[in-house]
Amino acid sequence: KFSSESESPALMDFYPKTPNLTNEKQLLGALQEVLEKLQSKRISPWEKKFGQVPTCDVGEQCAIRKGARIGKMCDCPRGAFCNFFLLKCL
């Protein structure tokens, strides 16, 4: 326990004195990649309005399991079906 304010550690004592610019650049690059992927996966307002889901390729994940429920992420192409055990288009 600290007896006075001068003995207590300051918040800045936990951070490095010199910034690690390479680490920050790597983090910014990773964040940029994630944002670009999210931007490309956006559903158009027309698809959202009419309840349509995008199409996915054979072998791609087409559903997701959350507890006992299974939600469809995309429609499999013609001739393929979504296997709800593997959660992929076959």
PDB file of N, CA and C in Angstrom:
ATOM      1  N   LYS A   1       0.835  -1.184   0.000  1.00  0.00           N
ATOM      2  CA  LYS A   1       0.000   0.000   0.000  1.00  0.00           C
ATOM      3  C   LYS A   1       0.876   1.242   0.000  1.00  0.00           C
ATOM      4  N   PHE A   2       0.464   2.276  -0.721  1.00  0.00           N
ATOM      5  CA  PHE A   2       1.256   3.497  -0.839  1.00  0.00           C
ATOM      6  C   PHE A   2       0.786   4.504   0.209  1.00  0.00           C
ATOM      7  N   SER A   3       1.760   5.116   0.853  1.00  0.00           N
ATOM      8  CA  SER A   3       1.406   6.035   1.926  1.00  0.00           C
ATOM      9  C   SER A   3       1.165   7.447   1.425  1.00  0.00           C
ATOM     10  N   SER A   4       1.775   7.813   0.338  1.00  0.00           N
ATOM     11  CA  SER A   4       1.552   9.167  -0.172  1.00  0.00           C
ATOM     12  C   SER A   4       1.412   9.141  -1.686  1.00  0.00           C
ATOM     13  N   GLU A   5       0.954  10.235  -2.224  1.00  0.00           N
ATOM     14  CA  GLU A   5       0.713  10.343  -3.657  1.00  0.00           C
ATOM     15  C   GLU A   5       2.021  10.258  -4.443  1.00  0.00           C
ATOM     16  N   SER A   6       3.125  10.736  -3.888  1.00  0.00           N
ATOM     17  CA  SER A   6       4.396  10.739  -4.615  1.00  0.00           C
ATOM     18  C   SER A   6       4.950   9.328  -4.785  1.00  0.00           C
ATOM     19  N   GLU A   7       4.565   8.379  -3.942  1.00  0.00           N
ATOM     20  CA  GLU A   7       5.068   7.023  -4.045  1.00  0.00           C
ATOM     21  C   GLU A   7       4.228   6.158  -4.986  1.00  0.00           C
ATOM     22  N   SER A   8       3.031   6.573  -5.302  1.00  0.00           N
ATOM     23  CA  SER A   8       2.166   5.746  -6.150  1.00  0.00           C
ATOM     24  C   SER A   8       2.666   5.776  -7.592  1.00  0.00           C
ATOM     25  N   PRO A   9       2.585   4.630  -8.266  1.00  0.00           N
ATOM     26  CA  PRO A   9       3.060   4.597  -9.661  1.00  0.00           C
ATOM     27  C   PRO A   9       2.105   5.361 -10.576  1.00  0.00           C
ATOM     28  N   ALA A  10       2.675   6.109 -11.475  1.00  0.00           N
ATOM     29  CA  ALA A  10       1.871   6.857 -12.442  1.00  0.00           C
ATOM     30  C   ALA A  10       1.495   5.935 -13.593  1.00  0.00           C
ATOM     31  N   LEU A  11       0.423   6.262 -14.263  1.00  0.00           N
ATOM     32  CA  LEU A  11      -0.041   5.455 -15.386  1.00  0.00           C
ATOM     33  C   LEU A  11       1.026   5.387 -16.477  1.00  0.00           C
ATOM     34  N   MET A  12       1.732   6.465 -16.692  1.00  0.00           N
ATOM     35  CA  MET A  12       2.741   6.510 -17.742  1.00  0.00           C
ATOM     36  C   MET A  12       3.951   5.632 -17.419  1.00  0.00           C
ATOM     37  N   ASP A  13       4.131   5.230 -16.156  1.00  0.00           N
ATOM     38  CA  ASP A  13       5.250   4.359 -15.795  1.00  0.00           C
ATOM     39  C   ASP A  13       5.096   2.977 -16.406  1.00  0.00           C
ATOM     40  N   PHE A  14       3.876   2.592 -16.771  1.00  0.00           N
ATOM     41  CA  PHE A  14       3.634   1.266 -17.324  1.00  0.00           C
ATOM     42  C   PHE A  14       3.853   1.210 -18.837  1.00  0.00           C
ATOM     43  N   TYR A  15       3.991   2.340 -19.478  1.00  0.00           N
ATOM     44  CA  TYR A  15       4.204   2.394 -20.914  1.00  0.00           C
ATOM     45  C   TYR A  15       5.673   2.686 -21.204  1.00  0.00           C
ATOM     46  N   PRO A  16       6.190   2.182 -22.334  1.00  0.00           N
ATOM     47  CA  PRO A  16       7.596   2.447 -22.650  1.00  0.00           C
ATOM     48  C   PRO A  16       7.824   3.931 -22.909  1.00  0.00           C
ATOM     49  N   LYS A  17       9.025   4.391 -22.566  1.00  0.00           N
ATOM     50  CA  LYS A  17       9.358   5.813 -22.725  1.00  0.00           C
ATOM     51  C   LYS A  17       9.477   6.193 -24.205  1.00  0.00           C
ATOM     52  N   THR A  18      10.037   5.283 -25.015  1.00  0.00           N
ATOM     53  CA  THR A  18      10.154   5.550 -26.448  1.00  0.00           C
ATOM     54  C   THR A  18       9.138   4.694 -27.186  1.00  0.00           C
ATOM     55  N   PRO A  19       8.374   5.278 -28.087  1.00  0.00           N
ATOM     56  CA  PRO A  19       7.362   4.498 -28.797  1.00  0.00           C
ATOM     57  C   PRO A  19       8.006   3.474 -29.735  1.00  0.00           C
ATOM     58  N   ASN A  20       7.376   2.324 -29.849  1.00  0.00           N
ATOM     59  CA  ASN A  20       7.838   1.266 -30.741  1.00  0.00           C
ATOM     60  C   ASN A  20       7.094   1.437 -32.066  1.00  0.00           C
ATOM     61  N   LEU A  21       7.710   2.183 -32.979  1.00  0.00           N
ATOM     62  CA  LEU A  21       7.027   2.540 -34.223  1.00  0.00           C
ATOM     63  C   LEU A  21       6.795   1.336 -35.127  1.00  0.00           C
ATOM     64  N   THR A  22       7.711   0.364 -35.126  1.00  0.00           N
ATOM     65  CA  THR A  22       7.505  -0.797 -35.995  1.00  0.00           C
ATOM     66  C   THR A  22       6.305  -1.597 -35.520  1.00  0.00           C
ATOM     67  N   ASN A  23       6.143  -1.748 -34.218  1.00  0.00           N
ATOM     68  CA  ASN A  23       5.001  -2.474 -33.670  1.00  0.00           C
ATOM     69  C   ASN A  23       3.697  -1.728 -33.990  1.00  0.00           C
ATOM     70  N   GLU A  24       3.730  -0.420 -33.864  1.00  0.00           N
ATOM     71  CA  GLU A  24       2.546   0.384 -34.171  1.00  0.00           C
ATOM     72  C   GLU A  24       2.192   0.279 -35.651  1.00  0.00           C
ATOM     73  N   LYS A  25       3.188   0.266 -36.520  1.00  0.00           N
ATOM     74  CA  LYS A  25       2.933   0.140 -37.961  1.00  0.00           C
ATOM     75  C   LYS A  25       2.337  -1.220 -38.280  1.00  0.00           C
ATOM     76  N   GLN A  26       2.827  -2.279 -37.616  1.00  0.00           N
ATOM     77  CA  GLN A  26       2.276  -3.610 -37.825  1.00  0.00           C
ATOM     78  C   GLN A  26       0.826  -3.670 -37.385  1.00  0.00           C
ATOM     79  N   LEU A  27       0.518  -3.066 -36.237  1.00  0.00           N
ATOM     80  CA  LEU A  27      -0.852  -3.053 -35.740  1.00  0.00           C
ATOM     81  C   LEU A  27      -1.767  -2.271 -36.672  1.00  0.00           C
ATOM     82  N   LEU A  28      -1.288  -1.137 -37.168  1.00  0.00           N
ATOM     83  CA  LEU A  28      -2.091  -0.338 -38.096  1.00  0.00           C
ATOM     84  C   LEU A  28      -2.322  -1.092 -39.406  1.00  0.00           C
ATOM     85  N   GLY A  29      -1.304  -1.809 -39.874  1.00  0.00           N
ATOM     86  CA  GLY A  29      -1.454  -2.600 -41.089  1.00  0.00           C
ATOM     87  C   GLY A  29      -2.478  -3.709 -40.912  1.00  0.00           C
ATOM     88  N   ALA A  30      -2.432  -4.389 -39.764  1.00  0.00           N
ATOM     89  CA  ALA A  30      -3.389  -5.455 -39.488  1.00  0.00           C
ATOM     90  C   ALA A  30      -4.801  -4.902 -39.384  1.00  0.00           C
ATOM     91  N   LEU A  31      -4.949  -3.752 -38.734  1.00  0.00           N
ATOM     92  CA  LEU A  31      -6.258  -3.114 -38.615  1.00  0.00           C
ATOM     93  C   LEU A  31      -6.803  -2.725 -39.987  1.00  0.00           C
ATOM     94  N   GLN A  32      -5.931  -2.214 -40.854  1.00  0.00           N
ATOM     95  CA  GLN A  32      -6.343  -1.831 -42.204  1.00  0.00           C
ATOM     96  C   GLN A  32      -6.843  -3.043 -42.984  1.00  0.00           C
ATOM     97  N   GLU A  33      -6.144  -4.200 -42.836  1.00  0.00           N
ATOM     98  CA  GLU A  33      -6.565  -5.420 -43.523  1.00  0.00           C
ATOM     99  C   GLU A  33      -7.944  -5.867 -43.060  1.00  0.00           C
ATOM    100  N   VAL A  34      -8.165  -5.822 -41.749  1.00  0.00           N
ATOM    101  CA  VAL A  34      -9.458  -6.236 -41.197  1.00  0.00           C
ATOM    102  C   VAL A  34     -10.568  -5.328 -41.713  1.00  0.00           C
ATOM    103  N   LEU A  35     -10.316  -4.033 -41.717  1.00  0.00           N
ATOM    104  CA  LEU A  35     -11.329  -3.085 -42.197  1.00  0.00           C
ATOM    105  C   LEU A  35     -11.644  -3.311 -43.674  1.00  0.00           C
ATOM    106  N   GLU A  36     -10.617  -3.605 -44.478  1.00  0.00           N
ATOM    107  CA  GLU A  36     -10.854  -3.859 -45.904  1.00  0.00           C
ATOM    108  C   GLU A  36     -11.680  -5.131 -46.100  1.00  0.00           C
ATOM    109  N   LYS A  37     -11.399  -6.174 -45.320  1.00  0.00           N
ATOM    110  CA  LYS A  37     -12.162  -7.416 -45.428  1.00  0.00           C
ATOM    111  C   LYS A  37     -13.616  -7.190 -45.026  1.00  0.00           C
ATOM    112  N   LEU A  38     -13.832  -6.426 -43.959  1.00  0.00           N
ATOM    113  CA  LEU A  38     -15.199  -6.142 -43.526  1.00  0.00           C
ATOM    114  C   LEU A  38     -15.940  -5.328 -44.576  1.00  0.00           C
ATOM    115  N   GLN A  39     -15.253  -4.395 -45.201  1.00  0.00           N
ATOM    116  CA  GLN A  39     -15.875  -3.552 -46.225  1.00  0.00           C
ATOM    117  C   GLN A  39     -16.306  -4.403 -47.413  1.00  0.00           C
ATOM    118  N   SER A  40     -15.484  -5.391 -47.796  1.00  0.00           N
ATOM    119  CA  SER A  40     -15.803  -6.202 -48.963  1.00  0.00           C
ATOM    120  C   SER A  40     -16.906  -7.208 -48.665  1.00  0.00           C
ATOM    121  N   LYS A  41     -17.173  -7.520 -47.408  1.00  0.00           N
ATOM    122  CA  LYS A  41     -18.201  -8.500 -47.062  1.00  0.00           C
ATOM    123  C   LYS A  41     -19.554  -7.871 -46.755  1.00  0.00           C
ATOM    124  N   ARG A  42     -19.686  -6.601 -47.005  1.00  0.00           N
ATOM    125  CA  ARG A  42     -20.963  -5.930 -46.726  1.00  0.00           C
ATOM    126  C   ARG A  42     -22.059  -6.457 -47.637  1.00  0.00           C
ATOM    127  N   ILE A  43     -23.255  -6.577 -47.088  1.00  0.00           N
ATOM    128  CA  ILE A  43     -24.407  -7.037 -47.857  1.00  0.00           C
ATOM    129  C   ILE A  43     -25.104  -5.800 -48.429  1.00  0.00           C
ATOM    130  N   SER A  44     -25.452  -5.881 -49.699  1.00  0.00           N
ATOM    131  CA  SER A  44     -26.113  -4.747 -50.332  1.00  0.00           C
ATOM    132  C   SER A  44     -27.493  -4.532 -49.712  1.00  0.00           C
ATOM    133  N   PRO A  45     -27.998  -3.305 -49.723  1.00  0.00           N
ATOM    134  CA  PRO A  45     -29.329  -3.030 -49.163  1.00  0.00           C
ATOM    135  C   PRO A  45     -30.429  -3.845 -49.837  1.00  0.00           C
ATOM    136  N   TRP A  46     -30.282  -4.136 -51.138  1.00  0.00           N
ATOM    137  CA  TRP A  46     -31.279  -4.942 -51.847  1.00  0.00           C
ATOM    138  C   TRP A  46     -31.316  -6.350 -51.278  1.00  0.00           C
ATOM    139  N   GLU A  47     -30.141  -6.968 -51.054  1.00  0.00           N
ATOM    140  CA  GLU A  47     -30.087  -8.312 -50.482  1.00  0.00           C
ATOM    141  C   GLU A  47     -30.660  -8.329 -49.066  1.00  0.00           C
ATOM    142  N   LYS A  48     -30.354  -7.291 -48.296  1.00  0.00           N
ATOM    143  CA  LYS A  48     -30.848  -7.221 -46.921  1.00  0.00           C
ATOM    144  C   LYS A  48     -32.365  -7.047 -46.898  1.00  0.00           C
ATOM    145  N   LYS A  49     -32.893  -6.225 -47.809  1.00  0.00           N
ATOM    146  CA  LYS A  49     -34.322  -5.937 -47.826  1.00  0.00           C
ATOM    147  C   LYS A  49     -35.137  -7.177 -48.180  1.00  0.00           C
ATOM    148  N   PHE A  50     -34.675  -7.947 -49.150  1.00  0.00           N
ATOM    149  CA  PHE A  50     -35.433  -9.095 -49.603  1.00  0.00           C
ATOM    150  C   PHE A  50     -34.993 -10.408 -48.957  1.00  0.00           C
ATOM    151  N   GLY A  51     -34.162 -10.339 -47.927  1.00  0.00           N
ATOM    152  CA  GLY A  51     -33.778 -11.519 -47.171  1.00  0.00           C
ATOM    153  C   GLY A  51     -32.891 -12.487 -47.924  1.00  0.00           C
ATOM    154  N   GLN A  52     -32.213 -12.025 -48.937  1.00  0.00           N
ATOM    155  CA  GLN A  52     -31.328 -12.903 -49.683  1.00  0.00           C
ATOM    156  C   GLN A  52     -29.947 -12.910 -49.045  1.00  0.00           C
ATOM    157  N   VAL A  53     -29.292 -14.039 -49.144  1.00  0.00           N
ATOM    158  CA  VAL A  53     -27.927 -14.133 -48.642  1.00  0.00           C
ATOM    159  C   VAL A  53     -26.998 -14.292 -49.845  1.00  0.00           C
ATOM    160  N   PRO A  54     -25.750 -13.858 -49.726  1.00  0.00           N
ATOM    161  CA  PRO A  54     -24.827 -13.977 -50.857  1.00  0.00           C
ATOM    162  C   PRO A  54     -24.520 -15.440 -51.172  1.00  0.00           C
ATOM    163  N   THR A  55     -24.019 -15.697 -52.367  1.00  0.00           N
ATOM    164  CA  THR A  55     -23.655 -17.065 -52.737  1.00  0.00           C
ATOM    165  C   THR A  55     -22.219 -17.334 -52.311  1.00  0.00           C
ATOM    166  N   CYS A  56     -21.942 -18.608 -52.003  1.00  0.00           N
ATOM    167  CA  CYS A  56     -20.589 -18.992 -51.629  1.00  0.00           C
ATOM    168  C   CYS A  56     -20.125 -20.127 -52.537  1.00  0.00           C
ATOM    169  N   ASP A  57     -18.851 -20.394 -52.545  1.00  0.00           N
ATOM    170  CA  ASP A  57     -18.266 -21.409 -53.407  1.00  0.00           C
ATOM    171  C   ASP A  57     -18.312 -22.782 -52.742  1.00  0.00           C
ATOM    172  N   VAL A  58     -18.131 -23.817 -53.542  1.00  0.00           N
ATOM    173  CA  VAL A  58     -18.078 -25.182 -53.021  1.00  0.00           C
ATOM    174  C   VAL A  58     -16.850 -25.306 -52.113  1.00  0.00           C
ATOM    175  N   GLY A  59     -17.044 -25.884 -50.938  1.00  0.00           N
ATOM    176  CA  GLY A  59     -15.965 -26.037 -49.960  1.00  0.00           C
ATOM    177  C   GLY A  59     -15.878 -24.890 -48.977  1.00  0.00           C
ATOM    178  N   GLU A  60     -16.615 -23.814 -49.236  1.00  0.00           N
ATOM    179  CA  GLU A  60     -16.596 -22.652 -48.367  1.00  0.00           C
ATOM    180  C   GLU A  60     -17.595 -22.838 -47.225  1.00  0.00           C
ATOM    181  N   GLN A  61     -17.328 -22.204 -46.087  1.00  0.00           N
ATOM    182  CA  GLN A  61     -18.242 -22.298 -44.947  1.00  0.00           C
ATOM    183  C   GLN A  61     -19.542 -21.583 -45.300  1.00  0.00           C
ATOM    184  N   CYS A  62     -20.681 -22.314 -45.149  1.00  0.00           N
ATOM    185  CA  CYS A  62     -21.963 -21.748 -45.547  1.00  0.00           C
ATOM    186  C   CYS A  62     -22.909 -21.554 -44.362  1.00  0.00           C
ATOM    187  N   ALA A  63     -22.536 -22.069 -43.204  1.00  0.00           N
ATOM    188  CA  ALA A  63     -23.398 -21.940 -42.029  1.00  0.00           C
ATOM    189  C   ALA A  63     -22.530 -21.819 -40.786  1.00  0.00           C
ATOM    190  N   ILE A  64     -23.146 -21.386 -39.708  1.00  0.00           N
ATOM    191  CA  ILE A  64     -22.444 -21.235 -38.437  1.00  0.00           C
ATOM    192  C   ILE A  64     -23.323 -21.798 -37.334  1.00  0.00           C
ATOM    193  N   ARG A  65     -22.715 -22.451 -36.389  1.00  0.00           N
ATOM    194  CA  ARG A  65     -23.456 -23.065 -35.292  1.00  0.00           C
ATOM    195  C   ARG A  65     -23.273 -22.215 -34.034  1.00  0.00           C
ATOM    196  N   LYS A  66     -24.363 -21.898 -33.389  1.00  0.00           N
ATOM    197  CA  LYS A  66     -24.343 -21.148 -32.133  1.00  0.00           C
ATOM    198  C   LYS A  66     -25.204 -21.932 -31.148  1.00  0.00           C
ATOM    199  N   GLY A  67     -24.566 -22.767 -30.337  1.00  0.00           N
ATOM    200  CA  GLY A  67     -25.310 -23.643 -29.438  1.00  0.00           C
ATOM    201  C   GLY A  67     -26.049 -24.678 -30.245  1.00  0.00           C
ATOM    202  N   ALA A  68     -27.338 -24.796 -30.046  1.00  0.00           N
ATOM    203  CA  ALA A  68     -28.147 -25.767 -30.773  1.00  0.00           C
ATOM    204  C   ALA A  68     -28.663 -25.200 -32.095  1.00  0.00           C
ATOM    205  N   ARG A  69     -28.461 -23.921 -32.330  1.00  0.00           N
ATOM    206  CA  ARG A  69     -28.986 -23.283 -33.542  1.00  0.00           C
ATOM    207  C   ARG A  69     -27.948 -23.214 -34.633  1.00  0.00           C
ATOM    208  N   ILE A  70     -28.417 -23.255 -35.875  1.00  0.00           N
ATOM    209  CA  ILE A  70     -27.541 -23.144 -37.039  1.00  0.00           C
ATOM    210  C   ILE A  70     -28.050 -21.997 -37.889  1.00  0.00           C
ATOM    211  N   GLY A  71     -27.176 -21.086 -38.224  1.00  0.00           N
ATOM    212  CA  GLY A  71     -27.540 -19.947 -39.062  1.00  0.00           C
ATOM    213  C   GLY A  71     -26.853 -20.037 -40.408  1.00  0.00           C
ATOM    214  N   LYS A  72     -27.574 -19.733 -41.446  1.00  0.00           N
ATOM    215  CA  LYS A  72     -27.042 -19.805 -42.801  1.00  0.00           C
ATOM    216  C   LYS A  72     -26.328 -18.506 -43.138  1.00  0.00           C
ATOM    217  N   MET A  73     -25.089 -18.604 -43.618  1.00  0.00           N
ATOM    218  CA  MET A  73     -24.297 -17.426 -43.948  1.00  0.00           C
ATOM    219  C   MET A  73     -24.397 -17.075 -45.431  1.00  0.00           C
ATOM    220  N   CYS A  74     -24.515 -18.110 -46.278  1.00  0.00           N
ATOM    221  CA  CYS A  74     -24.591 -17.878 -47.720  1.00  0.00           C
ATOM    222  C   CYS A  74     -25.248 -19.076 -48.383  1.00  0.00           C
ATOM    223  N   ASP A  75     -25.695 -18.887 -49.636  1.00  0.00           N
ATOM    224  CA  ASP A  75     -26.308 -19.959 -50.418  1.00  0.00           C
ATOM    225  C   ASP A  75     -25.238 -20.672 -51.222  1.00  0.00           C
ATOM    226  N   CYS A  76     -25.323 -21.985 -51.264  1.00  0.00           N
ATOM    227  CA  CYS A  76     -24.393 -22.779 -52.066  1.00  0.00           C
ATOM    228  C   CYS A  76     -24.782 -22.668 -53.541  1.00  0.00           C
ATOM    229  N   PRO A  77     -23.811 -22.836 -54.443  1.00  0.00           N
ATOM    230  CA  PRO A  77     -24.134 -22.747 -55.872  1.00  0.00           C
ATOM    231  C   PRO A  77     -25.014 -23.903 -56.320  1.00  0.00           C
ATOM    232  N   ARG A  78     -25.576 -23.780 -57.506  1.00  0.00           N
ATOM    233  CA  ARG A  78     -26.463 -24.815 -58.068  1.00  0.00           C
ATOM    234  C   ARG A  78     -25.721 -26.151 -58.139  1.00  0.00           C
ATOM    235  N   GLY A  79     -26.373 -27.219 -57.668  1.00  0.00           N
ATOM    236  CA  GLY A  79     -25.769 -28.540 -57.675  1.00  0.00           C
ATOM    237  C   GLY A  79     -25.045 -28.885 -56.386  1.00  0.00           C
ATOM    238  N   ALA A  80     -24.886 -27.903 -55.502  1.00  0.00           N
ATOM    239  CA  ALA A  80     -24.233 -28.133 -54.207  1.00  0.00           C
ATOM    240  C   ALA A  80     -25.255 -27.879 -53.105  1.00  0.00           C
ATOM    241  N   PHE A  81     -24.968 -28.390 -51.915  1.00  0.00           N
ATOM    242  CA  PHE A  81     -25.852 -28.145 -50.781  1.00  0.00           C
ATOM    243  C   PHE A  81     -25.023 -27.839 -49.548  1.00  0.00           C
ATOM    244  N   CYS A  82     -25.644 -27.210 -48.574  1.00  0.00           N
ATOM    245  CA  CYS A  82     -24.956 -26.850 -47.341  1.00  0.00           C
ATOM    246  C   CYS A  82     -25.072 -28.024 -46.365  1.00  0.00           C
ATOM    247  N   ASN A  83     -23.957 -28.666 -46.066  1.00  0.00           N
ATOM    248  CA  ASN A  83     -23.910 -29.772 -45.123  1.00  0.00           C
ATOM    249  C   ASN A  83     -23.870 -29.170 -43.724  1.00  0.00           C
ATOM    250  N   PHE A  84     -24.942 -29.394 -42.948  1.00  0.00           N
ATOM    251  CA  PHE A  84     -25.023 -28.763 -41.634  1.00  0.00           C
ATOM    252  C   PHE A  84     -24.223 -29.487 -40.569  1.00  0.00           C
ATOM    253  N   PHE A  85     -23.588 -30.615 -40.910  1.00  0.00           N
ATOM    254  CA  PHE A  85     -22.659 -31.263 -39.980  1.00  0.00           C
ATOM    255  C   PHE A  85     -21.279 -30.650 -40.134  1.00  0.00           C
ATOM    256  N   LEU A  86     -20.844 -30.499 -41.375  1.00  0.00           N
ATOM    257  CA  LEU A  86     -19.546 -29.907 -41.659  1.00  0.00           C
ATOM    258  C   LEU A  86     -19.607 -28.377 -41.781  1.00  0.00           C
ATOM    259  N   LEU A  87     -20.829 -27.845 -41.977  1.00  0.00           N
ATOM    260  CA  LEU A  87     -21.082 -26.411 -42.154  1.00  0.00           C
ATOM    261  C   LEU A  87     -20.397 -25.868 -43.406  1.00  0.00           C
ATOM    262  N   LYS A  88     -20.297 -26.708 -44.445  1.00  0.00           N
ATOM    263  CA  LYS A  88     -19.658 -26.307 -45.700  1.00  0.00           C
ATOM    264  C   LYS A  88     -20.511 -26.718 -46.880  1.00  0.00           C
ATOM    265  N   CYS A  89     -20.298 -26.025 -48.008  1.00  0.00           N
ATOM    266  CA  CYS A  89     -20.967 -26.382 -49.267  1.00  0.00           C
ATOM    267  C   CYS A  89     -20.300 -27.617 -49.844  1.00  0.00           C
ATOM    268  N   LEU A  90     -21.129 -28.611 -50.137  1.00  0.00           N
ATOM    269  CA  LEU A  90     -20.608 -29.851 -50.756  1.00  0.00           C
ATOM    270  C   LEU A  90     -21.301 -30.115 -52.072  1.00  0.00           C
TER     271      LEU A  90
END
